[in-house]
């Protein structure tokens, strides 16, 4: 349980990191200054000890430029302005100060020979300081990582819990692990509460889906089976020609209802116990669809050209492929008028093409956008699209002014 919100914890973590780094840098600079002071004093004391009992005169004052050391006299004649100057080659530091009276300037010369470090020692200290700065930077980076990890730990914990949940097999333990009360009343707690409610809805939906698909097969197919049996008994009776046509229409309608029911049940199932990895031949299924839907061409002078250019096998859900093929053939037969055609059905190695012609009225009254829409040819093509997406197949429709070409590839 956290007492502060995520935003406040991140701000506190950032402030703590900055404060710690500031203190560390402050101690580092303070130590460097003290070491520099001690180093200068130690060098001065060492030089005095080496010349004992005569004390060295490092600092001297000059009232005239002519009294300066020979190396500085030419420079002094240029009338330098007030300030401090350094002469590296001579190891001298010179302060120019204004002087009263006729003299324009006075000079204070500090001889640093033996006090300043040699170039090799400067490089050594440069390496030491660089190492110290790099070490502080790495420590600061590590501190920042640790502090920020602790600040966002609840979010990471929640993400790991959500990633471990199996949506297909939700349990009571999953709901307890994601319970919002475990994360406090902050942003993470609000997010956990939203995820918890979403999981409850998903779980309820899955239960409804399982109940529906588990019972619909029996509850919905039973009336269809009863109707089919009654129609078979009627067909065996002595019926008039008109009654035979009526029974035949009822039988076909019952068959269509059964296929539609199987179609929706297939789409409603979340899983199908490995049925999406079946291997089956395409040509027999397409031939069966043509035979089952041929009654739609009764009374029409329309030819059907079935071209078997290959004999492919498809991996997927057998019932889904049957439903998709029946819908494509049915739509082609239904939307072909008397005298038009032929309807061409071609099976290739990786594709199935169903082609039918448009009538002149469709050319005049429908736009290409309307004709290319799956809904323009019934609900079935929209369901075919979903079945193909579920199985990893591809479905498309090409429409021009004269033809409609449905393509199913795998």
Protein backbone atom coordinates (compact mmCIF):
# COMPACT_ATOMS: atom_id res chain seq x y z
CA UNK A 1 0.00 0.00 0.00
CA UNK A 2 1.39 3.40 -0.98
CA UNK A 3 0.54 6.60 0.84
CA UNK A 4 1.25 8.95 -2.07
CA UNK A 5 0.04 9.05 -5.66
CA UNK A 6 2.22 7.87 -8.53
CA UNK A 7 2.76 11.44 -9.71
CA UNK A 8 3.93 12.54 -6.26
CA UNK A 9 6.17 9.49 -5.87
CA UNK A 10 7.88 10.22 -9.19
CA UNK A 11 8.37 13.85 -8.17
CA UNK A 12 9.79 12.82 -4.79
CA UNK A 13 12.09 10.30 -6.46
CA UNK A 14 13.38 12.90 -8.92
CA UNK A 15 13.91 15.46 -6.15
CA UNK A 16 15.72 12.88 -3.99
CA UNK A 17 18.01 11.93 -6.85
CA UNK A 18 18.83 15.58 -7.65
CA UNK A 19 19.43 16.40 -3.99
CA UNK A 20 21.73 13.40 -3.52
CA UNK A 21 23.73 14.30 -6.62
CA UNK A 22 23.96 17.95 -5.54
CA UNK A 23 25.29 16.97 -2.13
CA UNK A 24 27.79 14.57 -3.71
CA UNK A 25 29.03 17.22 -6.16
CA UNK A 26 29.24 19.78 -3.34
CA UNK A 27 31.43 17.48 -1.26
CA UNK A 28 33.56 16.73 -4.32
CA UNK A 29 34.20 20.42 -5.08
CA UNK A 30 34.84 21.24 -1.42
CA UNK A 31 37.35 18.39 -1.22
CA UNK A 32 39.08 19.56 -4.40
CA UNK A 33 39.43 23.12 -3.03
CA UNK A 34 40.85 21.92 0.28
CA UNK A 35 43.29 19.61 -1.47
CA UNK A 36 44.45 22.48 -3.70
CA UNK A 37 45.02 24.75 -0.69
CA UNK A 38 46.90 22.05 1.21
CA UNK A 39 48.98 21.26 -1.85
CA UNK A 40 50.11 24.89 -2.33
CA UNK A 41 50.96 25.31 1.36
CA UNK A 42 52.86 22.01 1.44
CA UNK A 43 54.95 23.01 -1.58
CA UNK A 44 55.76 26.39 -0.02
CA UNK A 45 56.72 24.79 3.27
CA UNK A 46 58.84 22.18 1.51
CA UNK A 47 60.71 24.89 -0.41
CA UNK A 48 61.34 26.86 2.80
CA UNK A 49 62.61 23.74 4.54
CA UNK A 50 65.03 23.01 1.68
CA UNK A 51 66.57 26.54 1.88
CA UNK A 52 66.67 26.70 5.72
CA UNK A 53 68.12 28.68 7.56
CA UNK A 54 67.79 31.21 4.70
CA UNK A 55 64.11 31.87 4.08
CA UNK A 56 63.11 32.27 0.41
CA UNK A 57 61.60 35.53 -0.70
CA UNK A 58 58.80 34.38 -3.00
CA UNK A 59 56.93 37.68 -3.00
CA UNK A 60 58.71 40.97 -3.72
CA UNK A 61 57.57 44.52 -4.43
CA UNK A 62 59.04 46.84 -7.06
CA UNK A 63 58.39 50.58 -7.33
CA UNK A 64 60.02 50.97 -10.72
CA UNK A 65 59.95 48.88 -13.84
CA UNK A 66 63.73 49.13 -14.10
CA UNK A 67 64.10 47.13 -10.90
CA UNK A 68 62.02 44.21 -12.15
CA UNK A 69 63.69 40.95 -13.13
CA UNK A 70 65.32 41.20 -16.54
CA UNK A 71 62.69 38.95 -18.15
CA UNK A 72 59.90 41.37 -17.14
CA UNK A 73 61.46 44.75 -17.98
CA UNK A 74 60.51 44.86 -21.64
CA UNK A 75 56.92 43.90 -20.75
CA UNK A 76 56.75 46.58 -18.04
CA UNK A 77 57.79 49.29 -20.59
CA UNK A 78 54.49 48.62 -22.48
CA UNK A 79 52.66 50.30 -19.59
CA UNK A 80 50.34 47.38 -18.68
CA UNK A 81 47.00 48.09 -17.10
CA UNK A 82 46.12 47.31 -13.54
CA UNK A 83 45.56 43.55 -12.96
CA UNK A 84 47.23 40.22 -12.41
CA UNK A 85 49.41 38.60 -15.08
CA UNK A 86 50.95 35.17 -15.36
CA UNK A 87 54.23 34.32 -17.09
CA UNK A 88 54.36 30.58 -17.50
CA UNK A 89 57.88 30.23 -18.89
CA UNK A 90 59.40 32.35 -16.10
CA UNK A 91 57.10 30.80 -13.45
CA UNK A 92 56.15 34.28 -12.25
CA UNK A 93 52.83 35.90 -11.33
CA UNK A 94 52.81 39.72 -11.46
CA UNK A 95 50.26 42.11 -9.96
CA UNK A 96 50.18 45.65 -11.41
CA UNK A 97 48.84 48.19 -8.93
CA UNK A 98 48.42 51.94 -9.22
CA UNK A 99 50.98 54.05 -7.34
CA UNK A 100 50.59 57.62 -6.15
CA UNK A 101 52.87 60.44 -7.14
CA UNK A 102 54.84 60.60 -10.32
CA UNK A 103 55.11 56.84 -10.63
CA UNK A 104 52.34 55.34 -12.65
CA UNK A 105 52.51 51.73 -11.44
CA UNK A 106 54.02 49.50 -8.82
CA UNK A 107 54.62 45.77 -9.24
CA UNK A 108 54.26 42.78 -6.92
CA UNK A 109 56.05 39.67 -8.22
CA UNK A 110 55.28 36.18 -6.90
CA UNK A 111 57.87 33.57 -7.81
CA UNK A 112 56.01 30.21 -7.99
CA UNK A 113 59.03 28.17 -9.05
CA UNK A 114 58.95 24.94 -7.08
CA UNK A 115 55.38 25.59 -5.85
CA UNK A 116 53.30 24.95 -8.98
CA UNK A 117 53.03 21.35 -10.04
CA UNK A 118 54.87 20.01 -13.03
CA UNK A 119 52.98 19.20 -16.24
CA UNK A 120 53.13 15.46 -15.53
CA UNK A 121 51.56 16.05 -12.14
CA UNK A 122 48.85 18.20 -13.72
CA UNK A 123 47.97 15.36 -16.06
CA UNK A 124 47.85 12.97 -13.13
CA UNK A 125 45.41 15.20 -11.23
CA UNK A 126 43.36 15.69 -14.41
CA UNK A 127 43.00 11.94 -14.70
CA UNK A 128 42.08 11.68 -11.02
CA UNK A 129 39.41 14.39 -11.32
CA UNK A 130 38.05 12.84 -14.53
CA UNK A 131 37.81 9.47 -12.82
CA UNK A 132 36.06 11.03 -9.84
CA UNK A 133 33.57 12.84 -12.08
CA UNK A 134 32.89 9.65 -14.08
CA UNK A 135 32.42 7.67 -10.88
CA UNK A 136 29.97 10.24 -9.52
CA UNK A 137 28.11 10.21 -12.83
CA UNK A 138 27.80 6.42 -12.79
CA UNK A 139 26.71 6.48 -9.15
CA UNK A 140 24.15 9.16 -9.99
CA UNK A 141 22.84 7.12 -12.92
CA UNK A 142 22.59 4.01 -10.75
CA UNK A 143 20.87 5.97 -8.00
CA UNK A 144 18.41 7.41 -10.51
CA UNK A 145 17.60 3.96 -11.90
CA UNK A 146 17.06 2.51 -8.41
CA UNK A 147 14.91 5.43 -7.25
CA UNK A 148 12.77 5.50 -10.40
CA UNK A 149 12.30 1.73 -10.30
CA UNK A 150 11.02 1.97 -6.78
CA UNK A 151 8.73 4.82 -7.81
CA UNK A 152 7.15 2.93 -10.73
CA UNK A 153 7.29 -0.51 -9.07
CA UNK A 154 3.47 -0.63 -8.61
CA UNK A 155 2.93 -0.08 -12.35
CA UNK A 156 5.42 -2.83 -13.24
CA UNK A 157 3.83 -5.13 -10.67
CA UNK A 158 0.38 -4.52 -12.14
CA UNK A 159 1.62 -5.04 -15.71
CA UNK A 160 3.22 -8.37 -14.78
CA UNK A 161 0.02 -9.53 -13.11
CA UNK A 162 -2.07 -8.64 -16.16
CA UNK A 163 0.42 -10.36 -18.50
CA UNK A 164 0.16 -13.60 -16.50
CA UNK A 165 -3.63 -13.78 -16.75
CA UNK A 166 -5.07 -16.33 -19.18
CA UNK A 167 -8.27 -14.76 -20.50
CA UNK A 168 -9.56 -18.13 -21.69
CA UNK A 169 -9.26 -19.69 -18.24
CA UNK A 170 -10.00 -16.97 -15.70
CA UNK A 171 -10.08 -18.09 -12.10
CA UNK A 172 -11.01 -16.57 -8.76
CA UNK A 173 -7.30 -16.24 -7.98
CA UNK A 174 -6.84 -14.00 -11.03
CA UNK A 175 -9.46 -11.59 -9.73
CA UNK A 176 -7.82 -11.52 -6.30
CA UNK A 177 -4.39 -10.82 -7.77
CA UNK A 178 -5.71 -7.88 -9.78
CA UNK A 179 -7.91 -6.55 -6.98
CA UNK A 180 -7.70 -2.76 -6.94
CA UNK A 181 -7.56 -2.52 -3.13
CA UNK A 182 -4.04 -3.96 -3.25
CA UNK A 183 -2.71 -0.89 -5.08
CA UNK A 184 -4.07 1.99 -3.00
CA UNK A 185 -6.18 4.98 -3.97
CA UNK A 186 -3.85 6.42 -6.59
CA UNK A 187 -3.52 6.29 -10.36
CA UNK A 188 -2.33 2.68 -10.28
CA UNK A 189 -5.27 1.72 -8.09
CA UNK A 190 -7.68 3.38 -10.52
CA UNK A 191 -6.07 1.53 -13.42
CA UNK A 192 -6.24 -1.77 -11.52
CA UNK A 193 -9.93 -1.13 -10.77
CA UNK A 194 -10.67 -0.52 -14.45
CA UNK A 195 -8.81 -3.69 -15.45
CA UNK A 196 -10.63 -5.62 -12.75
CA UNK A 197 -14.02 -4.51 -14.06
CA UNK A 198 -12.95 -5.27 -17.63
CA UNK A 199 -11.89 -8.78 -16.65
CA UNK A 200 -15.24 -9.32 -14.97
CA UNK A 201 -17.03 -8.29 -18.16
CA UNK A 202 -14.75 -10.48 -20.30
CA UNK A 203 -15.32 -13.41 -17.97
CA UNK A 204 -19.08 -12.89 -18.08
CA UNK A 205 -18.98 -12.67 -21.88
CA UNK A 206 -16.95 -15.87 -22.16
CA UNK A 207 -19.38 -17.67 -19.87
CA UNK A 208 -22.33 -16.48 -21.96
CA UNK A 209 -20.56 -17.55 -25.14
CA UNK A 210 -19.80 -20.98 -23.74
CA UNK A 211 -23.36 -21.39 -22.51
CA UNK A 212 -24.79 -20.29 -25.85
CA UNK A 213 -22.55 -22.45 -28.02
CA UNK A 214 -23.03 -25.35 -25.62
CA UNK A 215 -26.82 -25.24 -25.69
CA UNK A 216 -27.65 -23.64 -29.03
CA UNK A 217 -26.47 -26.65 -30.98
CA UNK A 218 -29.12 -28.79 -29.29
CA UNK A 219 -31.86 -26.24 -28.69
CA UNK A 220 -31.76 -24.74 -32.20
CA UNK A 221 -31.00 -27.82 -34.23
CA UNK A 222 -33.73 -29.93 -32.65
CA UNK A 223 -36.60 -27.98 -34.32
CA UNK A 224 -34.76 -28.13 -37.64
CA UNK A 225 -34.32 -31.88 -37.29
CA UNK A 226 -38.01 -32.28 -36.49
CA UNK A 227 -38.99 -30.19 -39.53
CA UNK A 228 -36.61 -32.14 -41.75
CA UNK A 229 -38.10 -35.46 -40.56
CA UNK A 230 -41.64 -34.22 -41.14
CA UNK A 231 -40.73 -33.10 -44.66
CA UNK A 232 -39.24 -36.49 -45.44
CA UNK A 233 -42.48 -38.14 -44.33
CA UNK A 234 -44.47 -35.75 -46.50
CA UNK A 235 -42.28 -36.53 -49.50
CA UNK A 236 -43.16 -40.20 -49.10
CA UNK A 237 -46.88 -39.36 -49.19
CA UNK A 238 -49.04 -39.11 -52.27
CA UNK A 239 -48.74 -35.37 -53.00
CA UNK A 240 -49.93 -33.30 -55.86
CA UNK A 241 -47.47 -31.47 -58.08
CA UNK A 242 -48.17 -28.19 -56.27
CA UNK A 243 -47.64 -29.81 -52.88
CA UNK A 244 -44.37 -31.36 -54.05
CA UNK A 245 -43.08 -27.93 -55.02
CA UNK A 246 -44.16 -26.51 -51.67
CA UNK A 247 -42.46 -29.31 -49.74
CA UNK A 248 -39.36 -28.89 -51.87
CA UNK A 249 -39.23 -25.16 -51.06
CA UNK A 250 -39.70 -25.94 -47.35
CA UNK A 251 -36.89 -28.52 -47.51
CA UNK A 252 -34.52 -26.05 -49.17
CA UNK A 253 -35.44 -23.33 -46.68
CA UNK A 254 -34.79 -25.75 -43.82
CA UNK A 255 -31.44 -26.67 -45.36
CA UNK A 256 -30.53 -22.98 -45.68
CA UNK A 257 -31.60 -22.36 -42.08
CA UNK A 258 -29.38 -25.24 -40.93
CA UNK A 259 -26.37 -23.85 -42.82
CA UNK A 260 -27.01 -20.36 -41.44
CA UNK A 261 -27.18 -21.75 -37.92
CA UNK A 262 -23.92 -23.65 -38.41
CA UNK A 263 -22.37 -20.48 -39.77
CA UNK A 264 -23.26 -18.36 -36.73
CA UNK A 265 -22.27 -21.12 -34.31
CA UNK A 266 -18.91 -21.38 -36.04
CA UNK A 267 -18.34 -17.65 -35.64
CA UNK A 268 -19.57 -17.62 -32.04
CA UNK A 269 -17.12 -20.23 -30.79
CA UNK A 270 -14.03 -18.82 -29.13
CA UNK A 271 -12.10 -22.06 -29.62
CA UNK A 272 -12.82 -25.18 -31.61
CA UNK A 273 -10.62 -27.86 -30.04
CA UNK A 274 -7.93 -27.85 -32.73
CA UNK A 275 -10.37 -27.98 -35.66
CA UNK A 276 -8.50 -25.09 -37.29
CA UNK A 277 -5.63 -27.44 -38.20
CA UNK A 278 -7.58 -29.95 -40.31
CA UNK A 279 -6.36 -30.96 -43.77
CA UNK A 280 -8.98 -31.36 -46.50
CA UNK A 281 -9.32 -31.36 -50.29
CA UNK A 282 -10.89 -28.34 -51.96
CA UNK A 283 -12.33 -29.81 -55.17
CA UNK A 284 -14.86 -32.22 -53.55
CA UNK A 285 -16.18 -29.46 -51.31
CA UNK A 286 -16.62 -27.06 -54.22
CA UNK A 287 -18.38 -29.76 -56.26
CA UNK A 288 -20.69 -30.47 -53.34
CA UNK A 289 -21.52 -26.75 -53.00
CA UNK A 290 -22.38 -26.55 -56.71
CA UNK A 291 -24.71 -29.55 -56.45
CA UNK A 292 -26.42 -28.23 -53.31
CA UNK A 293 -27.02 -24.77 -54.77
CA UNK A 294 -27.90 -25.79 -58.33
CA UNK A 295 -31.63 -25.59 -57.56
CA UNK A 296 -31.21 -21.77 -57.63
CA UNK A 297 -30.64 -22.06 -61.37
CA UNK A 298 -33.90 -23.92 -61.96
CA UNK A 299 -35.78 -22.22 -64.76
CA UNK A 300 -32.70 -20.24 -65.80
CA UNK A 301 -30.73 -20.82 -68.95
CA UNK A 302 -27.32 -20.43 -67.28
CA UNK A 303 -24.24 -22.60 -67.76
CA UNK A 304 -21.77 -23.39 -64.97
CA UNK A 305 -18.12 -23.91 -65.96
CA UNK A 306 -16.19 -25.74 -63.25
CA UNK A 307 -12.45 -25.70 -63.97
CA UNK A 308 -10.16 -27.90 -61.87
CA UNK A 309 -6.72 -26.44 -62.61
CA UNK A 310 -5.24 -28.06 -59.49
CA UNK A 311 -6.19 -30.36 -56.63
CA UNK A 312 -5.06 -28.41 -53.56
CA UNK A 313 -5.29 -29.25 -49.88
CA UNK A 314 -6.17 -26.58 -47.33
CA UNK A 315 -5.29 -26.41 -43.65
CA UNK A 316 -8.02 -24.88 -41.50
CA UNK A 317 -11.56 -25.36 -40.21
CA UNK A 318 -13.42 -27.72 -42.54
CA UNK A 319 -16.90 -26.45 -41.64
CA UNK A 320 -15.78 -22.84 -42.08
CA UNK A 321 -14.50 -23.60 -45.59
CA UNK A 322 -17.75 -25.39 -46.47
CA UNK A 323 -19.79 -22.39 -45.27
CA UNK A 324 -17.59 -19.93 -47.19
CA UNK A 325 -17.74 -21.97 -50.40
CA UNK A 326 -21.51 -22.45 -50.20
CA UNK A 327 -22.02 -18.70 -49.72
CA UNK A 328 -19.87 -17.77 -52.70
CA UNK A 329 -21.58 -20.28 -54.99
CA UNK A 330 -25.03 -19.35 -53.69
CA UNK A 331 -24.48 -15.63 -54.31
CA UNK A 332 -23.22 -16.30 -57.83
CA UNK A 333 -26.24 -18.46 -58.66
CA UNK A 334 -28.76 -16.09 -57.10
CA UNK A 335 -27.49 -12.95 -58.85
CA UNK A 336 -27.23 -14.41 -62.33
CA UNK A 337 -30.35 -13.81 -64.41
CA UNK A 338 -31.81 -16.02 -67.10
CA UNK A 339 -29.73 -15.99 -70.26
CA UNK A 340 -26.63 -14.60 -68.59
CA UNK A 341 -23.49 -16.48 -67.89
CA UNK A 342 -21.68 -18.63 -67.89
CA UNK A 343 -20.82 -18.77 -64.20
CA UNK A 344 -17.15 -19.69 -63.95
CA UNK A 345 -15.73 -21.49 -60.93
CA UNK A 346 -11.97 -22.13 -61.02
CA UNK A 347 -9.88 -23.99 -58.48
CA UNK A 348 -6.15 -23.20 -58.52
CA UNK A 349 -3.31 -24.32 -56.28
CA UNK A 350 -3.85 -21.54 -53.73
CA UNK A 351 -7.03 -19.79 -54.91
CA UNK A 352 -10.71 -20.27 -55.63
CA UNK A 353 -12.39 -17.92 -58.13
CA UNK A 354 -16.17 -17.59 -58.53
CA UNK A 355 -17.13 -15.28 -61.42
CA UNK A 356 -20.60 -14.24 -62.58
CA UNK A 357 -21.82 -11.53 -64.91
CA UNK A 358 -23.78 -8.40 -64.06
CA UNK A 359 -26.97 -7.58 -65.90
CA UNK A 360 -27.47 -4.29 -67.69
CA UNK A 361 -29.85 -2.99 -65.00
CA UNK A 362 -27.15 -3.42 -62.38
CA UNK A 363 -24.80 -1.47 -64.59
CA UNK A 364 -27.24 1.43 -64.81
CA UNK A 365 -28.65 1.50 -61.27
CA UNK A 366 -25.67 0.53 -59.06
CA UNK A 367 -22.42 2.32 -58.60
CA UNK A 368 -19.19 0.35 -58.42
CA UNK A 369 -18.87 1.20 -54.73
CA UNK A 370 -22.25 -0.37 -54.00
CA UNK A 371 -21.52 -3.44 -56.08
CA UNK A 372 -18.11 -3.98 -54.50
CA UNK A 373 -19.52 -3.93 -50.99
CA UNK A 374 -20.04 -7.39 -49.43
CA UNK A 375 -23.38 -6.25 -48.08
CA UNK A 376 -24.47 -5.64 -51.68
CA UNK A 377 -24.73 -9.39 -52.14
CA UNK A 378 -26.26 -10.39 -48.84
CA UNK A 379 -25.15 -11.00 -45.29
CA UNK A 380 -23.24 -14.13 -46.31
CA UNK A 381 -20.19 -12.40 -47.78
CA UNK A 382 -19.61 -10.40 -44.60
CA UNK A 383 -19.60 -13.68 -42.69
CA UNK A 384 -17.27 -15.22 -45.26
CA UNK A 385 -14.87 -12.36 -44.58
CA UNK A 386 -14.91 -13.10 -40.85
CA UNK A 387 -14.47 -16.83 -41.38
CA UNK A 388 -11.44 -16.19 -43.59
CA UNK A 389 -9.91 -13.85 -41.01
CA UNK A 390 -10.39 -16.49 -38.31
CA UNK A 391 -8.60 -19.13 -40.43
CA UNK A 392 -5.86 -16.95 -41.87
CA UNK A 393 -7.30 -17.03 -45.39
CA UNK A 394 -7.82 -14.07 -47.70
CA UNK A 395 -11.12 -13.01 -49.28
CA UNK A 396 -11.78 -10.23 -51.78
CA UNK A 397 -14.31 -9.14 -54.40
CA UNK A 398 -13.47 -7.42 -57.65
CA UNK A 399 -16.28 -5.63 -59.48
CA UNK A 400 -16.22 -4.02 -62.88
CA UNK A 401 -19.04 -3.06 -65.26
CA UNK A 402 -19.58 -6.60 -66.47
CA UNK A 403 -18.30 -9.07 -63.89
CA UNK A 404 -18.20 -9.83 -60.18
CA UNK A 405 -15.19 -11.93 -59.21
CA UNK A 406 -15.02 -13.42 -55.73
CA UNK A 407 -11.54 -14.67 -54.74
CA UNK A 408 -10.76 -16.94 -51.81
CA UNK A 409 -7.07 -17.71 -51.26
CA UNK A 410 -5.24 -19.78 -48.67
